Amino acid sequence: MALIATVWAATIFSSILFNISGLAFFAPIEIILVIFVYWIGLRGYQQTRVVYVNEQKAAKTYVDSIDPEEAEKCARLLKKAMDTNKLYLDPELTVNKLADHLAISPKLISAVLNGQLKKGFSAFVNEYRVAEVKERMLHPGNSHITLAGLARDSGFNSVATFQRVFKAAENTTPREFLSQHKETAVK
């Protein structure tokens, strides 16, 4: 950079000393300067990317810092809260409500669900809700209740969410599922 600055200063002063006019005299130094500026920019961009990638690799996530025994205990508590206490029946259930019930931090619950069980909070809760709806659909005492009613009783807030989640879980609509299983029960 010092060399380029010296050459640039020399071209400016030599043009003044020798009364040289015209842009042709300055073109070589300007080309060199433009190339140098682009080179600096590209090198800076590459160095930033390398530093950023290295920082990403070095950063530990919260999931990585959780003790495996603590994660296992939290997973057991989550499953127990759903299996035994049937907290999924609450349509207003949130991570914070579940955390308050279990006396565990919401951050730990989310980390265990995402890291150990490989699913988010909504997917975890909706899995239990779909199972509840299926059980209620197939129970003969519930034949007078609509699918929307069964969905609301099982913790779903809306029929649209119920339809979408059920179809994603079972690869069939609730009506098709019900008709298939009624035919199987008759045969």
N, C-alpha and C. Protein backbone atom coordinates (compact mmCIF):
# COMPACT_ATOMS: atom_id res chain seq x y z
N MET A 1 0.84 -1.18 0.00
CA MET A 1 0.00 0.00 0.00
C MET A 1 0.89 1.26 0.00
N ALA A 2 1.98 1.21 0.75
CA ALA A 2 2.91 2.34 0.79
C ALA A 2 3.53 2.55 -0.59
N LEU A 3 3.83 1.45 -1.27
CA LEU A 3 4.41 1.54 -2.60
C LEU A 3 3.43 2.21 -3.57
N ILE A 4 2.18 1.82 -3.51
CA ILE A 4 1.17 2.41 -4.40
C ILE A 4 1.00 3.89 -4.08
N ALA A 5 1.00 4.25 -2.80
CA ALA A 5 0.87 5.66 -2.41
C ALA A 5 2.07 6.47 -2.92
N THR A 6 3.26 5.89 -2.88
CA THR A 6 4.45 6.57 -3.37
C THR A 6 4.38 6.78 -4.87
N VAL A 7 3.98 5.74 -5.60
CA VAL A 7 3.86 5.84 -7.05
C VAL A 7 2.80 6.87 -7.42
N TRP A 8 1.70 6.86 -6.70
CA TRP A 8 0.63 7.82 -6.96
C TRP A 8 1.11 9.24 -6.72
N ALA A 9 1.80 9.46 -5.61
CA ALA A 9 2.33 10.80 -5.31
C ALA A 9 3.34 11.22 -6.37
N ALA A 10 4.15 10.27 -6.82
CA ALA A 10 5.16 10.59 -7.85
C ALA A 10 4.49 11.00 -9.16
N THR A 11 3.41 10.33 -9.53
CA THR A 11 2.74 10.70 -10.79
C THR A 11 2.10 12.08 -10.68
N ILE A 12 1.56 12.38 -9.52
CA ILE A 12 0.93 13.71 -9.35
C ILE A 12 2.00 14.79 -9.44
N PHE A 13 3.08 14.64 -8.68
CA PHE A 13 4.11 15.68 -8.67
C PHE A 13 4.87 15.77 -9.98
N SER A 14 5.09 14.63 -10.65
CA SER A 14 5.79 14.69 -11.93
C SER A 14 4.94 15.37 -12.99
N SER A 15 3.62 15.20 -12.93
CA SER A 15 2.76 15.89 -13.90
C SER A 15 2.78 17.40 -13.66
N ILE A 16 2.92 17.80 -12.41
CA ILE A 16 2.98 19.23 -12.10
C ILE A 16 4.34 19.79 -12.51
N LEU A 17 5.43 19.07 -12.19
CA LEU A 17 6.78 19.54 -12.48
C LEU A 17 7.06 19.63 -13.98
N PHE A 18 6.60 18.62 -14.72
CA PHE A 18 6.91 18.59 -16.15
C PHE A 18 5.79 19.12 -17.02
N ASN A 19 4.76 19.71 -16.41
CA ASN A 19 3.63 20.28 -17.13
C ASN A 19 2.97 19.28 -18.07
N ILE A 20 2.73 18.10 -17.58
CA ILE A 20 2.08 17.07 -18.37
C ILE A 20 0.59 17.16 -18.09
N SER A 21 -0.19 17.21 -19.14
CA SER A 21 -1.64 17.26 -18.95
C SER A 21 -2.26 16.09 -19.72
N GLY A 22 -3.42 15.71 -19.29
CA GLY A 22 -4.12 14.62 -19.96
C GLY A 22 -4.28 13.43 -19.02
N LEU A 23 -5.30 12.66 -19.28
CA LEU A 23 -5.63 11.53 -18.41
C LEU A 23 -4.78 10.30 -18.69
N ALA A 24 -4.13 10.21 -19.83
CA ALA A 24 -3.37 9.03 -20.18
C ALA A 24 -2.23 8.80 -19.20
N PHE A 25 -1.68 9.87 -18.65
CA PHE A 25 -0.57 9.75 -17.71
C PHE A 25 -1.03 9.12 -16.39
N PHE A 26 -2.28 9.36 -15.97
CA PHE A 26 -2.79 8.87 -14.69
C PHE A 26 -3.45 7.48 -14.79
N ALA A 27 -3.74 7.03 -15.98
CA ALA A 27 -4.47 5.77 -16.16
C ALA A 27 -3.79 4.57 -15.50
N PRO A 28 -2.49 4.35 -15.67
CA PRO A 28 -1.88 3.16 -15.06
C PRO A 28 -2.02 3.14 -13.53
N ILE A 29 -1.78 4.26 -12.91
CA ILE A 29 -1.88 4.28 -11.44
C ILE A 29 -3.32 4.11 -10.98
N GLU A 30 -4.26 4.67 -11.71
CA GLU A 30 -5.66 4.51 -11.35
C GLU A 30 -6.11 3.06 -11.50
N ILE A 31 -5.65 2.38 -12.52
CA ILE A 31 -5.98 0.96 -12.72
C ILE A 31 -5.42 0.14 -11.57
N ILE A 32 -4.17 0.43 -11.20
CA ILE A 32 -3.54 -0.29 -10.08
C ILE A 32 -4.32 -0.04 -8.79
N LEU A 33 -4.73 1.19 -8.56
CA LEU A 33 -5.49 1.52 -7.35
C LEU A 33 -6.85 0.82 -7.32
N VAL A 34 -7.52 0.79 -8.45
CA VAL A 34 -8.83 0.12 -8.51
C VAL A 34 -8.67 -1.37 -8.22
N ILE A 35 -7.68 -1.99 -8.82
CA ILE A 35 -7.43 -3.42 -8.57
C ILE A 35 -7.11 -3.65 -7.10
N PHE A 36 -6.30 -2.76 -6.53
CA PHE A 36 -5.93 -2.89 -5.12
C PHE A 36 -7.15 -2.75 -4.20
N VAL A 37 -8.02 -1.82 -4.49
CA VAL A 37 -9.23 -1.63 -3.67
C VAL A 37 -10.13 -2.85 -3.76
N TYR A 38 -10.32 -3.39 -4.95
CA TYR A 38 -11.13 -4.61 -5.09
C TYR A 38 -10.50 -5.78 -4.34
N TRP A 39 -9.16 -5.88 -4.43
CA TRP A 39 -8.45 -6.96 -3.73
C TRP A 39 -8.66 -6.85 -2.22
N ILE A 40 -8.56 -5.64 -1.70
CA ILE A 40 -8.77 -5.43 -0.25
C ILE A 40 -10.20 -5.83 0.13
N GLY A 41 -11.15 -5.42 -0.67
CA GLY A 41 -12.55 -5.76 -0.38
C GLY A 41 -12.81 -7.25 -0.37
N LEU A 42 -12.31 -7.95 -1.38
CA LEU A 42 -12.50 -9.40 -1.46
C LEU A 42 -11.80 -10.12 -0.32
N ARG A 43 -10.59 -9.71 0.01
CA ARG A 43 -9.86 -10.33 1.13
C ARG A 43 -10.61 -10.11 2.44
N GLY A 44 -11.13 -8.91 2.62
CA GLY A 44 -11.89 -8.61 3.84
C GLY A 44 -13.15 -9.46 3.92
N TYR A 45 -13.83 -9.63 2.81
CA TYR A 45 -15.03 -10.46 2.77
C TYR A 45 -14.70 -11.91 3.10
N GLN A 46 -13.64 -12.43 2.51
CA GLN A 46 -13.24 -13.82 2.77
C GLN A 46 -12.84 -14.01 4.23
N GLN A 47 -12.11 -13.08 4.78
CA GLN A 47 -11.68 -13.20 6.18
C GLN A 47 -12.88 -13.14 7.11
N THR A 48 -13.86 -12.31 6.82
CA THR A 48 -15.06 -12.21 7.65
C THR A 48 -15.81 -13.52 7.62
N ARG A 49 -15.95 -14.12 6.45
CA ARG A 49 -16.65 -15.41 6.35
C ARG A 49 -15.93 -16.48 7.14
N VAL A 50 -14.63 -16.53 7.07
CA VAL A 50 -13.86 -17.55 7.79
C VAL A 50 -14.06 -17.38 9.29
N VAL A 51 -13.98 -16.15 9.78
CA VAL A 51 -14.17 -15.89 11.21
C VAL A 51 -15.58 -16.27 11.62
N TYR A 52 -16.58 -15.89 10.83
CA TYR A 52 -17.97 -16.18 11.16
C TYR A 52 -18.22 -17.69 11.22
N VAL A 53 -17.71 -18.43 10.24
CA VAL A 53 -17.90 -19.88 10.21
C VAL A 53 -17.22 -20.52 11.41
N ASN A 54 -16.01 -20.08 11.74
CA ASN A 54 -15.30 -20.62 12.90
C ASN A 54 -16.04 -20.33 14.19
N GLU A 55 -16.63 -19.15 14.31
CA GLU A 55 -17.40 -18.81 15.51
C GLU A 55 -18.64 -19.70 15.62
N GLN A 56 -19.29 -19.98 14.49
CA GLN A 56 -20.45 -20.84 14.51
C GLN A 56 -20.08 -22.25 14.96
N LYS A 57 -18.96 -22.75 14.47
CA LYS A 57 -18.54 -24.10 14.85
C LYS A 57 -18.18 -24.16 16.33
N ALA A 58 -17.58 -23.09 16.84
CA ALA A 58 -17.11 -23.09 18.22
C ALA A 58 -18.24 -22.86 19.22
N ALA A 59 -19.30 -22.20 18.79
CA ALA A 59 -20.39 -21.86 19.72
C ALA A 59 -21.14 -23.11 20.15
N LYS A 60 -21.34 -23.24 21.44
CA LYS A 60 -22.11 -24.35 21.98
C LYS A 60 -23.55 -23.87 22.16
N THR A 61 -24.48 -24.70 21.83
CA THR A 61 -25.87 -24.33 22.02
C THR A 61 -26.30 -24.73 23.42
N TYR A 62 -27.43 -24.22 23.83
CA TYR A 62 -27.97 -24.54 25.15
C TYR A 62 -28.25 -26.03 25.27
N VAL A 63 -28.70 -26.65 24.18
CA VAL A 63 -28.98 -28.08 24.19
C VAL A 63 -27.72 -28.88 24.50
N ASP A 64 -26.58 -28.44 23.96
CA ASP A 64 -25.32 -29.14 24.19
C ASP A 64 -24.87 -29.05 25.65
N SER A 65 -25.27 -27.99 26.34
CA SER A 65 -24.81 -27.78 27.70
C SER A 65 -25.68 -28.47 28.75
N ILE A 66 -26.79 -29.07 28.34
CA ILE A 66 -27.68 -29.74 29.30
C ILE A 66 -27.09 -31.10 29.68
N ASP A 67 -27.11 -31.38 30.97
CA ASP A 67 -26.65 -32.68 31.47
C ASP A 67 -27.59 -33.76 30.93
N PRO A 68 -27.07 -34.85 30.39
CA PRO A 68 -27.92 -35.91 29.83
C PRO A 68 -28.93 -36.48 30.83
N GLU A 69 -28.53 -36.58 32.09
CA GLU A 69 -29.47 -37.09 33.11
C GLU A 69 -30.62 -36.12 33.32
N GLU A 70 -30.29 -34.83 33.33
CA GLU A 70 -31.33 -33.80 33.49
C GLU A 70 -32.28 -33.81 32.30
N ALA A 71 -31.74 -33.97 31.10
CA ALA A 71 -32.57 -34.03 29.89
C ALA A 71 -33.49 -35.24 29.92
N GLU A 72 -32.96 -36.38 30.35
CA GLU A 72 -33.77 -37.60 30.43
C GLU A 72 -34.89 -37.44 31.46
N LYS A 73 -34.56 -36.84 32.59
CA LYS A 73 -35.55 -36.60 33.65
C LYS A 73 -36.66 -35.67 33.14
N CYS A 74 -36.26 -34.63 32.43
CA CYS A 74 -37.23 -33.68 31.87
C CYS A 74 -38.12 -34.38 30.84
N ALA A 75 -37.54 -35.22 29.99
CA ALA A 75 -38.33 -35.95 28.99
C ALA A 75 -39.35 -36.86 29.67
N ARG A 76 -38.94 -37.54 30.75
CA ARG A 76 -39.87 -38.40 31.48
C ARG A 76 -41.01 -37.58 32.10
N LEU A 77 -40.67 -36.42 32.67
CA LEU A 77 -41.70 -35.55 33.26
C LEU A 77 -42.68 -35.06 32.20
N LEU A 78 -42.16 -34.72 31.04
CA LEU A 78 -43.03 -34.25 29.95
C LEU A 78 -44.00 -35.35 29.52
N LYS A 79 -43.49 -36.54 29.34
CA LYS A 79 -44.35 -37.66 28.92
C LYS A 79 -45.37 -38.00 30.01
N LYS A 80 -44.93 -37.94 31.27
CA LYS A 80 -45.85 -38.23 32.37
C LYS A 80 -46.96 -37.18 32.43
N ALA A 81 -46.60 -35.90 32.23
CA ALA A 81 -47.59 -34.83 32.26
C ALA A 81 -48.64 -35.03 31.18
N MET A 82 -48.24 -35.58 30.06
CA MET A 82 -49.19 -35.81 28.97
C MET A 82 -49.96 -37.12 29.18
N ASP A 83 -49.26 -38.19 29.52
CA ASP A 83 -49.91 -39.50 29.66
C ASP A 83 -50.82 -39.56 30.88
N THR A 84 -50.33 -39.11 32.01
CA THR A 84 -51.07 -39.24 33.27
C THR A 84 -52.02 -38.07 33.51
N ASN A 85 -51.47 -36.87 33.42
CA ASN A 85 -52.26 -35.67 33.75
C ASN A 85 -53.08 -35.15 32.58
N LYS A 86 -52.80 -35.62 31.38
CA LYS A 86 -53.51 -35.22 30.16
C LYS A 86 -53.59 -33.69 30.02
N LEU A 87 -52.45 -33.05 30.20
CA LEU A 87 -52.41 -31.59 30.08
C LEU A 87 -52.72 -31.12 28.66
N TYR A 88 -52.54 -31.98 27.68
CA TYR A 88 -52.80 -31.62 26.28
C TYR A 88 -54.27 -31.30 26.03
N LEU A 89 -55.16 -31.70 26.95
CA LEU A 89 -56.59 -31.41 26.78
C LEU A 89 -56.90 -29.92 26.96
N ASP A 90 -55.98 -29.19 27.57
CA ASP A 90 -56.14 -27.75 27.75
C ASP A 90 -55.84 -27.05 26.43
N PRO A 91 -56.86 -26.43 25.80
CA PRO A 91 -56.62 -25.78 24.51
C PRO A 91 -55.70 -24.55 24.62
N GLU A 92 -55.54 -24.04 25.82
CA GLU A 92 -54.70 -22.86 26.04
C GLU A 92 -53.31 -23.25 26.54
N LEU A 93 -52.92 -24.51 26.41
CA LEU A 93 -51.63 -24.98 26.90
C LEU A 93 -50.48 -24.32 26.14
N THR A 94 -49.54 -23.79 26.88
CA THR A 94 -48.34 -23.19 26.31
C THR A 94 -47.12 -23.79 26.99
N VAL A 95 -45.97 -23.49 26.45
CA VAL A 95 -44.73 -23.96 27.07
C VAL A 95 -44.61 -23.40 28.49
N ASN A 96 -44.99 -22.15 28.66
CA ASN A 96 -44.90 -21.52 29.98
C ASN A 96 -45.84 -22.18 30.98
N LYS A 97 -47.06 -22.51 30.57
CA LYS A 97 -48.00 -23.19 31.47
C LYS A 97 -47.46 -24.56 31.86
N LEU A 98 -46.95 -25.28 30.87
CA LEU A 98 -46.39 -26.59 31.14
C LEU A 98 -45.18 -26.48 32.06
N ALA A 99 -44.35 -25.46 31.84
CA ALA A 99 -43.17 -25.24 32.68
C ALA A 99 -43.58 -24.95 34.12
N ASP A 100 -44.61 -24.14 34.29
CA ASP A 100 -45.11 -23.84 35.64
C ASP A 100 -45.62 -25.11 36.32
N HIS A 101 -46.34 -25.93 35.57
CA HIS A 101 -46.89 -27.17 36.12
C HIS A 101 -45.78 -28.13 36.56
N LEU A 102 -44.72 -28.21 35.76
CA LEU A 102 -43.64 -29.15 36.04
C LEU A 102 -42.52 -28.55 36.89
N ALA A 103 -42.58 -27.25 37.12
CA ALA A 103 -41.52 -26.52 37.86
C ALA A 103 -40.17 -26.67 37.15
N ILE A 104 -40.20 -26.50 35.84
CA ILE A 104 -39.01 -26.56 34.99
C ILE A 104 -39.01 -25.30 34.13
N SER A 105 -37.85 -24.84 33.73
CA SER A 105 -37.81 -23.64 32.90
C SER A 105 -38.33 -23.94 31.49
N PRO A 106 -39.03 -22.99 30.89
CA PRO A 106 -39.52 -23.18 29.52
C PRO A 106 -38.37 -23.43 28.53
N LYS A 107 -37.23 -22.80 28.78
CA LYS A 107 -36.07 -22.97 27.91
C LYS A 107 -35.60 -24.43 27.93
N LEU A 108 -35.60 -25.04 29.11
CA LEU A 108 -35.19 -26.43 29.23
C LEU A 108 -36.18 -27.36 28.51
N ILE A 109 -37.47 -27.07 28.66
CA ILE A 109 -38.49 -27.88 27.98
C ILE A 109 -38.29 -27.81 26.47
N SER A 110 -38.13 -26.62 25.94
CA SER A 110 -37.94 -26.46 24.49
C SER A 110 -36.66 -27.16 24.03
N ALA A 111 -35.60 -27.02 24.81
CA ALA A 111 -34.32 -27.65 24.44
C ALA A 111 -34.44 -29.16 24.43
N VAL A 112 -35.12 -29.74 25.42
CA VAL A 112 -35.27 -31.19 25.49
C VAL A 112 -36.17 -31.67 24.35
N LEU A 113 -37.26 -30.96 24.09
CA LEU A 113 -38.14 -31.36 22.99
C LEU A 113 -37.40 -31.33 21.66
N ASN A 114 -36.69 -30.24 21.41
CA ASN A 114 -35.99 -30.09 20.13
C ASN A 114 -34.77 -31.00 20.03
N GLY A 115 -34.01 -31.11 21.11
CA GLY A 115 -32.76 -31.86 21.07
C GLY A 115 -32.93 -33.36 21.24
N GLN A 116 -33.73 -33.76 22.21
CA GLN A 116 -33.83 -35.19 22.52
C GLN A 116 -35.00 -35.86 21.80
N LEU A 117 -36.16 -35.20 21.80
CA LEU A 117 -37.33 -35.81 21.17
C LEU A 117 -37.48 -35.42 19.70
N LYS A 118 -36.66 -34.49 19.25
CA LYS A 118 -36.62 -34.07 17.83
C LYS A 118 -37.96 -33.56 17.32
N LYS A 119 -38.67 -32.78 18.15
CA LYS A 119 -39.92 -32.15 17.72
C LYS A 119 -40.15 -30.89 18.53
N GLY A 120 -40.93 -29.99 17.98
CA GLY A 120 -41.26 -28.77 18.67
C GLY A 120 -42.40 -28.99 19.66
N PHE A 121 -42.71 -27.94 20.43
CA PHE A 121 -43.75 -28.04 21.45
C PHE A 121 -45.10 -28.37 20.83
N SER A 122 -45.48 -27.66 19.78
CA SER A 122 -46.79 -27.89 19.15
C SER A 122 -46.91 -29.31 18.61
N ALA A 123 -45.87 -29.80 17.96
CA ALA A 123 -45.90 -31.17 17.42
C ALA A 123 -46.02 -32.19 18.55
N PHE A 124 -45.32 -31.94 19.65
CA PHE A 124 -45.37 -32.83 20.81
C PHE A 124 -46.78 -32.91 21.38
N VAL A 125 -47.39 -31.76 21.60
CA VAL A 125 -48.73 -31.71 22.19
C VAL A 125 -49.77 -32.24 21.20
N ASN A 126 -49.65 -31.86 19.94
CA ASN A 126 -50.63 -32.30 18.94
C ASN A 126 -50.59 -33.81 18.70
N GLU A 127 -49.46 -34.42 18.91
CA GLU A 127 -49.36 -35.88 18.80
C GLU A 127 -50.31 -36.54 19.81
N TYR A 128 -50.32 -36.03 21.03
CA TYR A 128 -51.21 -36.57 22.06
C TYR A 128 -52.67 -36.23 21.74
N ARG A 129 -52.90 -35.04 21.22
CA ARG A 129 -54.27 -34.64 20.89
C ARG A 129 -54.86 -35.51 19.78
N VAL A 130 -54.06 -35.80 18.77
CA VAL A 130 -54.53 -36.66 17.67
C VAL A 130 -54.85 -38.05 18.20
N ALA A 131 -54.00 -38.57 19.06
CA ALA A 131 -54.26 -39.90 19.63
C ALA A 131 -55.56 -39.89 20.44
N GLU A 132 -55.80 -38.80 21.16
CA GLU A 132 -57.04 -38.67 21.95
C GLU A 132 -58.26 -38.62 21.04
N VAL A 133 -58.18 -37.85 19.97
CA VAL A 133 -59.29 -37.74 19.02
C VAL A 133 -59.58 -39.11 18.41
N LYS A 134 -58.53 -39.83 18.00
CA LYS A 134 -58.73 -41.15 17.41
C LYS A 134 -59.42 -42.09 18.39
N GLU A 135 -59.00 -42.06 19.64
CA GLU A 135 -59.62 -42.92 20.65
C GLU A 135 -61.09 -42.56 20.85
N ARG A 136 -61.36 -41.27 20.90
CA ARG A 136 -62.75 -40.83 21.09
C ARG A 136 -63.60 -41.12 19.85
N MET A 137 -63.01 -41.00 18.66
CA MET A 137 -63.76 -41.25 17.44
C MET A 137 -64.23 -42.71 17.37
N LEU A 138 -63.38 -43.60 17.83
CA LEU A 138 -63.67 -45.02 17.73
C LEU A 138 -64.50 -45.56 18.90
N HIS A 139 -64.70 -44.73 19.91
CA HIS A 139 -65.50 -45.16 21.06
C HIS A 139 -66.98 -45.06 20.69
N PRO A 140 -67.76 -46.15 20.81
CA PRO A 140 -69.17 -46.14 20.39
C PRO A 140 -70.03 -45.11 21.14
N GLY A 141 -69.67 -44.77 22.36
CA GLY A 141 -70.45 -43.81 23.13
C GLY A 141 -70.33 -42.38 22.62
N ASN A 142 -69.39 -42.12 21.71
CA ASN A 142 -69.20 -40.77 21.18
C ASN A 142 -69.74 -40.60 19.77
N SER A 143 -70.54 -41.53 19.30
CA SER A 143 -71.02 -41.46 17.91
C SER A 143 -71.93 -40.26 17.67
N HIS A 144 -72.53 -39.70 18.71
CA HIS A 144 -73.42 -38.54 18.56
C HIS A 144 -72.66 -37.21 18.54
N ILE A 145 -71.36 -37.23 18.83
CA ILE A 145 -70.56 -36.00 18.87
C ILE A 145 -69.90 -35.78 17.50
N THR A 146 -69.92 -34.54 17.04
CA THR A 146 -69.31 -34.21 15.74
C THR A 146 -67.79 -34.28 15.85
N LEU A 147 -67.14 -34.34 14.70
CA LEU A 147 -65.68 -34.34 14.69
C LEU A 147 -65.12 -33.05 15.28
N ALA A 148 -65.79 -31.94 15.00
CA ALA A 148 -65.35 -30.66 15.57
C ALA A 148 -65.46 -30.69 17.09
N GLY A 149 -66.53 -31.28 17.59
CA GLY A 149 -66.70 -31.40 19.04
C GLY A 149 -65.64 -32.28 19.66
N LEU A 150 -65.34 -33.40 19.00
CA LEU A 150 -64.29 -34.29 19.49
C LEU A 150 -62.93 -33.59 19.49
N ALA A 151 -62.69 -32.81 18.44
CA ALA A 151 -61.43 -32.09 18.35
C ALA A 151 -61.30 -31.07 19.47
N ARG A 152 -62.37 -30.32 19.73
CA ARG A 152 -62.33 -29.33 20.81
C ARG A 152 -62.18 -30.00 22.17
N ASP A 153 -62.86 -31.12 22.36
CA ASP A 153 -62.74 -31.86 23.63
C ASP A 153 -61.34 -32.44 23.82
N SER A 154 -60.62 -32.62 22.74
CA SER A 154 -59.27 -33.19 22.81
C SER A 154 -58.19 -32.13 22.88
N GLY A 155 -58.58 -30.85 22.94
CA GLY A 155 -57.61 -29.78 23.15
C GLY A 155 -57.32 -28.91 21.94
N PHE A 156 -57.90 -29.21 20.79
CA PHE A 156 -57.65 -28.37 19.61
C PHE A 156 -58.46 -27.09 19.71
N ASN A 157 -57.86 -25.97 19.35
CA ASN A 157 -58.53 -24.66 19.37
C ASN A 157 -59.44 -24.46 18.17
N SER A 158 -59.02 -24.97 17.03
CA SER A 158 -59.80 -24.73 15.81
C SER A 158 -59.92 -26.01 14.99
N VAL A 159 -60.97 -26.08 14.24
CA VAL A 159 -61.21 -27.23 13.38
C VAL A 159 -60.17 -27.29 12.26
N ALA A 160 -59.80 -26.14 11.74
CA ALA A 160 -58.82 -26.11 10.65
C ALA A 160 -57.48 -26.68 11.12
N THR A 161 -57.04 -26.28 12.30
CA THR A 161 -55.79 -26.82 12.85
C THR A 161 -55.92 -28.32 13.07
N PHE A 162 -57.04 -28.75 13.61
CA PHE A 162 -57.28 -30.17 13.83
C PHE A 162 -57.18 -30.94 12.51
N GLN A 163 -57.86 -30.46 11.47
CA GLN A 163 -57.85 -31.14 10.17
C GLN A 163 -56.42 -31.25 9.62
N ARG A 164 -55.69 -30.13 9.68
CA ARG A 164 -54.32 -30.10 9.15
C ARG A 164 -53.40 -31.04 9.92
N VAL A 165 -53.46 -30.97 11.23
CA VAL A 165 -52.58 -31.80 12.07
C VAL A 165 -52.94 -33.28 11.93
N PHE A 166 -54.23 -33.58 11.91
CA PHE A 166 -54.67 -34.98 11.79
C PHE A 166 -54.21 -35.56 10.45
N LYS A 167 -54.41 -34.81 9.37
CA LYS A 167 -54.01 -35.29 8.05
C LYS A 167 -52.51 -35.50 7.98
N ALA A 168 -51.74 -34.60 8.58
CA ALA A 168 -50.28 -34.74 8.58
C ALA A 168 -49.84 -35.97 9.37
N ALA A 169 -50.54 -36.26 10.46
CA ALA A 169 -50.15 -37.38 11.32
C ALA A 169 -50.61 -38.73 10.76
N GLU A 170 -51.79 -38.76 10.17
CA GLU A 170 -52.39 -40.03 9.76
C GLU A 170 -52.43 -40.25 8.25
N ASN A 171 -52.03 -39.26 7.48
CA ASN A 171 -52.08 -39.32 6.01
C ASN A 171 -53.48 -39.58 5.48
N THR A 172 -54.46 -39.15 6.21
CA THR A 172 -55.86 -39.26 5.79
C THR A 172 -56.66 -38.22 6.56
N THR A 173 -57.81 -37.85 6.05
CA THR A 173 -58.65 -36.90 6.76
C THR A 173 -59.37 -37.61 7.90
N PRO A 174 -59.84 -36.85 8.88
CA PRO A 174 -60.57 -37.48 10.00
C PRO A 174 -61.79 -38.27 9.54
N ARG A 175 -62.54 -37.74 8.56
CA ARG A 175 -63.74 -38.46 8.07
C ARG A 175 -63.35 -39.78 7.41
N GLU A 176 -62.31 -39.74 6.58
CA GLU A 176 -61.85 -40.97 5.92
C GLU A 176 -61.37 -41.98 6.97
N PHE A 177 -60.65 -41.49 7.96
CA PHE A 177 -60.17 -42.37 9.03
C PHE A 177 -61.34 -43.03 9.75
N LEU A 178 -62.35 -42.23 10.07
CA LEU A 178 -63.51 -42.75 10.78
C LEU A 178 -64.26 -43.77 9.93
N SER A 179 -64.46 -43.46 8.65
CA SER A 179 -65.19 -44.40 7.79
C SER A 179 -64.39 -45.69 7.57
N GLN A 180 -63.08 -45.60 7.46
CA GLN A 180 -62.25 -46.80 7.28
C GLN A 180 -62.34 -47.69 8.52
N HIS A 181 -62.32 -47.08 9.68
CA HIS A 181 -62.32 -47.88 10.91
C HIS A 181 -63.70 -48.38 11.28
N LYS A 182 -64.75 -47.70 10.83
CA LYS A 182 -66.09 -48.21 11.03
C LYS A 182 -66.31 -49.43 10.16
N GLU A 183 -65.77 -49.38 8.91
CA GLU A 183 -65.89 -50.53 8.01
C GLU A 183 -65.12 -51.72 8.57
N THR A 184 -63.97 -51.48 9.14
CA THR A 184 -63.16 -52.56 9.70
C THR A 184 -63.86 -53.18 10.92
N ALA A 185 -64.49 -52.31 11.71
CA ALA A 185 -65.19 -52.81 12.91
C ALA A 185 -66.41 -53.65 12.51
N VAL A 186 -67.09 -53.30 11.38
CA VAL A 186 -68.26 -54.04 10.92
C VAL A 186 -67.83 -55.40 10.38
N LYS A 187 -66.70 -55.43 9.64
CA LYS A 187 -66.23 -56.68 9.03
C LYS A 187 -65.67 -57.53 10.09
